């Protein structure tokens, strides 16, 4: 895979998130929809607490979600 075709940033975590937690990324985006109004780290903490998600995975999902909301 060339450097140009490699997925970078938060989305690079998506395959391992889907494999580890058994849900597609669309599921996690819906979960995060329900947390609107919370700050970044509050959303991360909720994923870690409610879904036993690791910090890196939770942070990647929230970063991606918030970037999409801004664009």
Protein backbone atom coordinates (compact mmCIF):
# COMPACT_ATOMS: atom_id res chain seq x y z
CA UNK A 1 0.00 0.00 0.00
CA UNK A 2 1.49 3.35 -0.98
CA UNK A 3 1.70 6.28 1.41
CA UNK A 4 -0.95 8.10 -0.62
CA UNK A 5 -3.55 5.35 -0.21
CA UNK A 6 -2.97 4.73 3.50
CA UNK A 7 -5.70 5.98 5.79
CA UNK A 8 -4.31 8.52 8.23
CA UNK A 9 -5.54 10.22 11.37
CA UNK A 10 -8.41 8.97 13.52
CA UNK A 11 -9.90 6.85 10.71
CA UNK A 12 -6.78 4.67 10.76
CA UNK A 13 -8.16 3.15 13.98
CA UNK A 14 -11.50 2.16 12.44
CA UNK A 15 -10.68 -1.43 11.36
CA UNK A 16 -9.39 -2.33 14.82
CA UNK A 17 -12.32 -0.56 16.54
CA UNK A 18 -14.82 -2.53 14.46
CA UNK A 19 -12.99 -5.80 15.10
CA UNK A 20 -12.51 -5.29 18.84
CA UNK A 21 -15.96 -3.92 19.74
CA UNK A 22 -18.06 -5.76 17.14
CA UNK A 23 -19.92 -2.73 15.83
CA UNK A 24 -19.53 -0.74 12.60
CA UNK A 25 -18.29 2.85 12.78
CA UNK A 26 -21.80 4.04 11.87
CA UNK A 27 -22.98 2.58 15.20
CA UNK A 28 -20.41 4.61 17.13
CA UNK A 29 -21.31 7.77 15.22
CA UNK A 30 -24.93 7.24 16.31
CA UNK A 31 -23.83 6.76 19.92
CA UNK A 32 -21.89 10.02 19.70
CA UNK A 33 -24.93 11.78 18.21
CA UNK A 34 -26.58 11.14 21.55
CA UNK A 35 -23.78 13.00 23.34
CA UNK A 36 -24.15 16.33 21.56
CA UNK A 37 -23.41 19.23 23.85
CA UNK A 38 -20.65 17.37 25.69
CA UNK A 39 -17.02 18.40 25.45
CA UNK A 40 -14.47 16.24 23.64
CA UNK A 41 -13.06 14.60 26.76
CA UNK A 42 -16.53 14.10 28.25
CA UNK A 43 -17.44 12.10 25.15
CA UNK A 44 -14.21 10.10 25.41
CA UNK A 45 -14.87 9.39 29.09
CA UNK A 46 -18.42 8.24 28.31
CA UNK A 47 -17.20 5.75 25.67
CA UNK A 48 -14.57 4.45 28.08
CA UNK A 49 -17.04 4.10 30.96
CA UNK A 50 -20.17 2.90 29.17
CA UNK A 51 -18.51 0.69 26.54
CA UNK A 52 -15.18 -0.21 28.19
CA UNK A 53 -13.41 1.29 25.19
CA UNK A 54 -9.70 2.03 25.34
CA UNK A 55 -8.62 5.66 25.45
CA UNK A 56 -7.01 5.67 21.99
CA UNK A 57 -10.04 4.15 20.30
CA UNK A 58 -12.47 6.44 22.11
CA UNK A 59 -10.39 9.51 21.34
CA UNK A 60 -10.10 8.58 17.65
CA UNK A 61 -13.87 8.15 17.33
CA UNK A 62 -14.61 11.45 19.05
CA UNK A 63 -11.98 13.33 17.05
CA UNK A 64 -13.37 11.97 13.79
CA UNK A 65 -16.98 12.65 14.83
CA UNK A 66 -16.25 16.23 15.84
CA UNK A 67 -14.24 16.89 12.65
CA UNK A 68 -17.19 15.68 10.56
CA UNK A 69 -19.60 17.89 12.49
CA UNK A 70 -17.41 20.93 11.81
CA UNK A 71 -17.18 20.35 8.07
